[in-house]
Amino acid sequence: MKALGTGWAQGVTFTQIALPSGGGLRPVLELTGQAAQVAAGLGANRWHASISHSDGTAVAVVVLES
């Protein structure tokens, strides 16, 4: 949401942003709904993502380039 510049505004929700499991491969960002529309409006054409987890905690960091 930070990379999109929306925070909780403009109808973007966490459920529209996913980093699905790739079987140990690089994480791939999937945007749907309003998140995808905002990204397209920004000219987003490249993403860098990092994910980590332990026990019951997970974290993801994404950097957007346009």
PDB file of N, CA and C in Angstrom:
ATOM      1  N   MET A   1       0.819  -1.188   0.000  1.00  0.00           N
ATOM      2  CA  MET A   1       0.000   0.000   0.000  1.00  0.00           C
ATOM      3  C   MET A   1       0.867   1.257   0.000  1.00  0.00           C
ATOM      4  N   LYS A   2       1.975   1.213   0.720  1.00  0.00           N
ATOM      5  CA  LYS A   2       2.880   2.364   0.717  1.00  0.00           C
ATOM      6  C   LYS A   2       3.431   2.606  -0.676  1.00  0.00           C
ATOM      7  N   ALA A   3       3.844   1.532  -1.358  1.00  0.00           N
ATOM      8  CA  ALA A   3       4.413   1.668  -2.698  1.00  0.00           C
ATOM      9  C   ALA A   3       3.393   2.253  -3.670  1.00  0.00           C
ATOM     10  N   LEU A   4       2.110   1.974  -3.434  1.00  0.00           N
ATOM     11  CA  LEU A   4       1.056   2.508  -4.290  1.00  0.00           C
ATOM     12  C   LEU A   4       0.662   3.924  -3.896  1.00  0.00           C
ATOM     13  N   GLY A   5       1.110   4.367  -2.722  1.00  0.00           N
ATOM     14  CA  GLY A   5       0.790   5.716  -2.261  1.00  0.00           C
ATOM     15  C   GLY A   5      -0.641   5.865  -1.783  1.00  0.00           C
ATOM     16  N   THR A   6      -1.280   4.762  -1.370  1.00  0.00           N
ATOM     17  CA  THR A   6      -2.690   4.837  -1.001  1.00  0.00           C
ATOM     18  C   THR A   6      -2.959   4.681   0.485  1.00  0.00           C
ATOM     19  N   GLY A   7      -2.093   3.997   1.227  1.00  0.00           N
ATOM     20  CA  GLY A   7      -2.457   3.656   2.599  1.00  0.00           C
ATOM     21  C   GLY A   7      -3.760   2.881   2.558  1.00  0.00           C
ATOM     22  N   TRP A   8      -4.695   3.218   3.431  1.00  0.00           N
ATOM     23  CA  TRP A   8      -6.007   2.553   3.430  1.00  0.00           C
ATOM     24  C   TRP A   8      -6.994   3.249   2.497  1.00  0.00           C
ATOM     25  N   ALA A   9      -6.559   4.294   1.818  1.00  0.00           N
ATOM     26  CA  ALA A   9      -7.465   5.100   0.997  1.00  0.00           C
ATOM     27  C   ALA A   9      -7.638   4.504  -0.401  1.00  0.00           C
ATOM     28  N   GLN A  10      -8.508   5.095  -1.159  1.00  0.00           N
ATOM     29  CA  GLN A  10      -8.738   4.778  -2.569  1.00  0.00           C
ATOM     30  C   GLN A  10      -9.211   3.350  -2.802  1.00  0.00           C
ATOM     31  N   GLY A  11      -9.794   2.707  -1.794  1.00  0.00           N
ATOM     32  CA  GLY A  11     -10.379   1.387  -1.970  1.00  0.00           C
ATOM     33  C   GLY A  11      -9.394   0.242  -2.092  1.00  0.00           C
ATOM     34  N   VAL A  12      -8.111   0.464  -1.782  1.00  0.00           N
ATOM     35  CA  VAL A  12      -7.111  -0.603  -1.837  1.00  0.00           C
ATOM     36  C   VAL A  12      -7.100  -1.331  -0.495  1.00  0.00           C
ATOM     37  N   THR A  13      -7.213  -2.669  -0.541  1.00  0.00           N
ATOM     38  CA  THR A  13      -7.202  -3.476   0.677  1.00  0.00           C
ATOM     39  C   THR A  13      -6.109  -4.541   0.587  1.00  0.00           C
ATOM     40  N   PHE A  14      -5.755  -5.108   1.745  1.00  0.00           N
ATOM     41  CA  PHE A  14      -4.730  -6.152   1.774  1.00  0.00           C
ATOM     42  C   PHE A  14      -5.118  -7.359   0.928  1.00  0.00           C
ATOM     43  N   THR A  15      -6.416  -7.638   0.798  1.00  0.00           N
ATOM     44  CA  THR A  15      -6.841  -8.814   0.035  1.00  0.00           C
ATOM     45  C   THR A  15      -6.598  -8.661  -1.464  1.00  0.00           C
ATOM     46  N   GLN A  16      -6.264  -7.458  -1.924  1.00  0.00           N
ATOM     47  CA  GLN A  16      -5.983  -7.212  -3.338  1.00  0.00           C
ATOM     48  C   GLN A  16      -4.493  -7.327  -3.659  1.00  0.00           C
ATOM     49  N   ILE A  17      -3.681  -7.609  -2.653  1.00  0.00           N
ATOM     50  CA  ILE A  17      -2.227  -7.689  -2.815  1.00  0.00           C
ATOM     51  C   ILE A  17      -1.773  -9.053  -2.317  1.00  0.00           C
ATOM     52  N   ALA A  18      -1.121  -9.835  -3.182  1.00  0.00           N
ATOM     53  CA  ALA A  18      -0.696 -11.185  -2.790  1.00  0.00           C
ATOM     54  C   ALA A  18       0.719 -11.480  -3.274  1.00  0.00           C
ATOM     55  N   LEU A  19       1.431 -12.257  -2.480  1.00  0.00           N
ATOM     56  CA  LEU A  19       2.737 -12.812  -2.845  1.00  0.00           C
ATOM     57  C   LEU A  19       2.611 -14.326  -2.685  1.00  0.00           C
ATOM     58  N   PRO A  20       1.999 -14.994  -3.673  1.00  0.00           N
ATOM     59  CA  PRO A  20       1.735 -16.427  -3.521  1.00  0.00           C
ATOM     60  C   PRO A  20       3.019 -17.246  -3.461  1.00  0.00           C
ATOM     61  N   SER A  21       2.918 -18.387  -2.807  1.00  0.00           N
ATOM     62  CA  SER A  21       4.060 -19.289  -2.692  1.00  0.00           C
ATOM     63  C   SER A  21       4.464 -19.781  -4.067  1.00  0.00           C
ATOM     64  N   GLY A  22       5.746 -19.675  -4.360  1.00  0.00           N
ATOM     65  CA  GLY A  22       6.248 -20.111  -5.660  1.00  0.00           C
ATOM     66  C   GLY A  22       7.121 -21.339  -5.568  1.00  0.00           C
ATOM     67  N   GLY A  23       7.002 -22.098  -4.500  1.00  0.00           N
ATOM     68  CA  GLY A  23       7.804 -23.298  -4.364  1.00  0.00           C
ATOM     69  C   GLY A  23       9.287 -23.006  -4.239  1.00  0.00           C
ATOM     70  N   GLY A  24       9.632 -21.961  -3.482  1.00  0.00           N
ATOM     71  CA  GLY A  24      11.036 -21.615  -3.277  1.00  0.00           C
ATOM     72  C   GLY A  24      11.595 -20.664  -4.316  1.00  0.00           C
ATOM     73  N   LEU A  25      10.795 -20.300  -5.304  1.00  0.00           N
ATOM     74  CA  LEU A  25      11.237 -19.357  -6.324  1.00  0.00           C
ATOM     75  C   LEU A  25      11.102 -17.929  -5.823  1.00  0.00           C
ATOM     76  N   ARG A  26      11.574 -16.985  -6.618  1.00  0.00           N
ATOM     77  CA  ARG A  26      11.412 -15.572  -6.277  1.00  0.00           C
ATOM     78  C   ARG A  26       9.944 -15.250  -6.061  1.00  0.00           C
ATOM     79  N   PRO A  27       9.630 -14.425  -5.071  1.00  0.00           N
ATOM     80  CA  PRO A  27       8.225 -14.039  -4.885  1.00  0.00           C
ATOM     81  C   PRO A  27       7.731 -13.236  -6.088  1.00  0.00           C
ATOM     82  N   VAL A  28       6.496 -13.474  -6.463  1.00  0.00           N
ATOM     83  CA  VAL A  28       5.870 -12.767  -7.575  1.00  0.00           C
ATOM     84  C   VAL A  28       4.664 -12.028  -7.026  1.00  0.00           C
ATOM     85  N   LEU A  29       4.590 -10.750  -7.295  1.00  0.00           N
ATOM     86  CA  LEU A  29       3.496  -9.929  -6.789  1.00  0.00           C
ATOM     87  C   LEU A  29       2.270 -10.082  -7.674  1.00  0.00           C
ATOM     88  N   GLU A  30       1.100 -10.275  -7.057  1.00  0.00           N
ATOM     89  CA  GLU A  30      -0.172 -10.328  -7.775  1.00  0.00           C
ATOM     90  C   GLU A  30      -1.093  -9.254  -7.218  1.00  0.00           C
ATOM     91  N   LEU A  31      -1.517  -8.340  -8.083  1.00  0.00           N
ATOM     92  CA  LEU A  31      -2.446  -7.282  -7.698  1.00  0.00           C
ATOM     93  C   LEU A  31      -3.775  -7.508  -8.394  1.00  0.00           C
ATOM     94  N   THR A  32      -4.872  -7.252  -7.674  1.00  0.00           N
ATOM     95  CA  THR A  32      -6.205  -7.346  -8.254  1.00  0.00           C
ATOM     96  C   THR A  32      -6.985  -6.089  -7.890  1.00  0.00           C
ATOM     97  N   GLY A  33      -8.144  -5.929  -8.502  1.00  0.00           N
ATOM     98  CA  GLY A  33      -9.056  -4.848  -8.151  1.00  0.00           C
ATOM     99  C   GLY A  33      -8.436  -3.468  -8.223  1.00  0.00           C
ATOM    100  N   GLN A  34      -8.791  -2.653  -7.226  1.00  0.00           N
ATOM    101  CA  GLN A  34      -8.334  -1.265  -7.176  1.00  0.00           C
ATOM    102  C   GLN A  34      -6.816  -1.167  -7.071  1.00  0.00           C
ATOM    103  N   ALA A  35      -6.173  -2.111  -6.395  1.00  0.00           N
ATOM    104  CA  ALA A  35      -4.706  -2.095  -6.285  1.00  0.00           C
ATOM    105  C   ALA A  35      -4.072  -2.184  -7.665  1.00  0.00           C
ATOM    106  N   ALA A  36      -4.595  -3.050  -8.528  1.00  0.00           N
ATOM    107  CA  ALA A  36      -4.076  -3.186  -9.891  1.00  0.00           C
ATOM    108  C   ALA A  36      -4.322  -1.914 -10.693  1.00  0.00           C
ATOM    109  N   GLN A  37      -5.476  -1.295 -10.500  1.00  0.00           N
ATOM    110  CA  GLN A  37      -5.794  -0.064 -11.224  1.00  0.00           C
ATOM    111  C   GLN A  37      -4.881   1.080 -10.807  1.00  0.00           C
ATOM    112  N   VAL A  38      -4.628   1.216  -9.511  1.00  0.00           N
ATOM    113  CA  VAL A  38      -3.737   2.273  -9.021  1.00  0.00           C
ATOM    114  C   VAL A  38      -2.325   2.054  -9.560  1.00  0.00           C
ATOM    115  N   ALA A  39      -1.844   0.813  -9.526  1.00  0.00           N
ATOM    116  CA  ALA A  39      -0.502   0.502 -10.031  1.00  0.00           C
ATOM    117  C   ALA A  39      -0.384   0.851 -11.512  1.00  0.00           C
ATOM    118  N   ALA A  40      -1.402   0.513 -12.289  1.00  0.00           N
ATOM    119  CA  ALA A  40      -1.391   0.834 -13.716  1.00  0.00           C
ATOM    120  C   ALA A  40      -1.377   2.343 -13.927  1.00  0.00           C
ATOM    121  N   GLY A  41      -2.137   3.072 -13.123  1.00  0.00           N
ATOM    122  CA  GLY A  41      -2.168   4.527 -13.221  1.00  0.00           C
ATOM    123  C   GLY A  41      -0.840   5.181 -12.887  1.00  0.00           C
ATOM    124  N   LEU A  42      -0.058   4.520 -12.042  1.00  0.00           N
ATOM    125  CA  LEU A  42       1.272   5.026 -11.685  1.00  0.00           C
ATOM    126  C   LEU A  42       2.330   4.637 -12.715  1.00  0.00           C
ATOM    127  N   GLY A  43       1.958   3.804 -13.664  1.00  0.00           N
ATOM    128  CA  GLY A  43       2.927   3.310 -14.635  1.00  0.00           C
ATOM    129  C   GLY A  43       3.861   2.273 -14.043  1.00  0.00           C
ATOM    130  N   ALA A  44       3.398   1.566 -13.019  1.00  0.00           N
ATOM    131  CA  ALA A  44       4.228   0.553 -12.355  1.00  0.00           C
ATOM    132  C   ALA A  44       4.584  -0.541 -13.350  1.00  0.00           C
ATOM    133  N   ASN A  45       5.877  -0.733 -13.567  1.00  0.00           N
ATOM    134  CA  ASN A  45       6.284  -1.758 -14.517  1.00  0.00           C
ATOM    135  C   ASN A  45       7.331  -2.714 -13.953  1.00  0.00           C
ATOM    136  N   ARG A  46       7.732  -2.492 -12.705  1.00  0.00           N
ATOM    137  CA  ARG A  46       8.724  -3.383 -12.101  1.00  0.00           C
ATOM    138  C   ARG A  46       8.562  -3.382 -10.587  1.00  0.00           C
ATOM    139  N   TRP A  47       8.607  -4.590 -10.007  1.00  0.00           N
ATOM    140  CA  TRP A  47       8.468  -4.759  -8.571  1.00  0.00           C
ATOM    141  C   TRP A  47       9.626  -5.580  -8.039  1.00  0.00           C
ATOM    142  N   HIS A  48      10.067  -5.274  -6.839  1.00  0.00           N
ATOM    143  CA  HIS A  48      11.062  -6.070  -6.127  1.00  0.00           C
ATOM    144  C   HIS A  48      10.421  -6.449  -4.799  1.00  0.00           C
ATOM    145  N   ALA A  49      10.422  -7.733  -4.473  1.00  0.00           N
ATOM    146  CA  ALA A  49       9.764  -8.194  -3.252  1.00  0.00           C
ATOM    147  C   ALA A  49      10.688  -9.084  -2.441  1.00  0.00           C
ATOM    148  N   SER A  50      10.563  -8.971  -1.125  1.00  0.00           N
ATOM    149  CA  SER A  50      11.287  -9.830  -0.198  1.00  0.00           C
ATOM    150  C   SER A  50      10.303 -10.291   0.865  1.00  0.00           C
ATOM    151  N   ILE A  51      10.339 -11.579   1.197  1.00  0.00           N
ATOM    152  CA  ILE A  51       9.443 -12.112   2.218  1.00  0.00           C
ATOM    153  C   ILE A  51      10.236 -12.931   3.225  1.00  0.00           C
ATOM    154  N   SER A  52       9.716 -12.990   4.442  1.00  0.00           N
ATOM    155  CA  SER A  52      10.342 -13.783   5.495  1.00  0.00           C
ATOM    156  C   SER A  52       9.265 -14.208   6.487  1.00  0.00           C
ATOM    157  N   HIS A  53       9.526 -15.297   7.207  1.00  0.00           N
ATOM    158  CA  HIS A  53       8.562 -15.746   8.212  1.00  0.00           C
ATOM    159  C   HIS A  53       9.261 -16.591   9.266  1.00  0.00           C
ATOM    160  N   SER A  54       8.636 -16.663  10.424  1.00  0.00           N
ATOM    161  CA  SER A  54       9.052 -17.579  11.490  1.00  0.00           C
ATOM    162  C   SER A  54       7.852 -17.792  12.403  1.00  0.00           C
ATOM    163  N   ASP A  55       7.619 -19.024  12.782  1.00  0.00           N
ATOM    164  CA  ASP A  55       6.471 -19.376  13.619  1.00  0.00           C
ATOM    165  C   ASP A  55       5.193 -18.727  13.083  1.00  0.00           C
ATOM    166  N   GLY A  56       4.546 -17.870  13.859  1.00  0.00           N
ATOM    167  CA  GLY A  56       3.278 -17.274  13.462  1.00  0.00           C
ATOM    168  C   GLY A  56       3.386 -15.879  12.886  1.00  0.00           C
ATOM    169  N   THR A  57       4.584 -15.457  12.484  1.00  0.00           N
ATOM    170  CA  THR A  57       4.778 -14.101  11.987  1.00  0.00           C
ATOM    171  C   THR A  57       5.326 -14.124  10.566  1.00  0.00           C
ATOM    172  N   ALA A  58       4.796 -13.251   9.722  1.00  0.00           N
ATOM    173  CA  ALA A  58       5.294 -13.124   8.352  1.00  0.00           C
ATOM    174  C   ALA A  58       5.448 -11.646   8.025  1.00  0.00           C
ATOM    175  N   VAL A  59       6.395 -11.341   7.142  1.00  0.00           N
ATOM    176  CA  VAL A  59       6.622  -9.965   6.723  1.00  0.00           C
ATOM    177  C   VAL A  59       6.967  -9.957   5.238  1.00  0.00           C
ATOM    178  N   ALA A  60       6.527  -8.910   4.548  1.00  0.00           N
ATOM    179  CA  ALA A  60       6.862  -8.729   3.136  1.00  0.00           C
ATOM    180  C   ALA A  60       7.205  -7.265   2.908  1.00  0.00           C
ATOM    181  N   VAL A  61       8.216  -7.031   2.081  1.00  0.00           N
ATOM    182  CA  VAL A  61       8.603  -5.676   1.692  1.00  0.00           C
ATOM    183  C   VAL A  61       8.604  -5.634   0.171  1.00  0.00           C
ATOM    184  N   VAL A  62       7.953  -4.620  -0.395  1.00  0.00           N
ATOM    185  CA  VAL A  62       7.868  -4.492  -1.846  1.00  0.00           C
ATOM    186  C   VAL A  62       8.296  -3.088  -2.245  1.00  0.00           C
ATOM    187  N   VAL A  63       9.114  -3.003  -3.289  1.00  0.00           N
ATOM    188  CA  VAL A  63       9.544  -1.720  -3.852  1.00  0.00           C
ATOM    189  C   VAL A  63       9.001  -1.641  -5.274  1.00  0.00           C
ATOM    190  N   LEU A  64       8.392  -0.526  -5.609  1.00  0.00           N
ATOM    191  CA  LEU A  64       7.777  -0.299  -6.914  1.00  0.00           C
ATOM    192  C   LEU A  64       8.661   0.608  -7.751  1.00  0.00           C
ATOM    193  N   GLU A  65       8.812   0.278  -9.040  1.00  0.00           N
ATOM    194  CA  GLU A  65       9.500   1.162  -9.985  1.00  0.00           C
ATOM    195  C   GLU A  65       8.542   1.496 -11.113  1.00  0.00           C
ATOM    196  N   SER A  66       8.637   2.711 -11.601  1.00  0.00           N
ATOM    197  CA  SER A  66       7.844   3.085 -12.774  1.00  0.00           C
ATOM    198  C   SER A  66       8.722   3.800 -13.771  1.00  0.00           C
TER     199      SER A  66
END
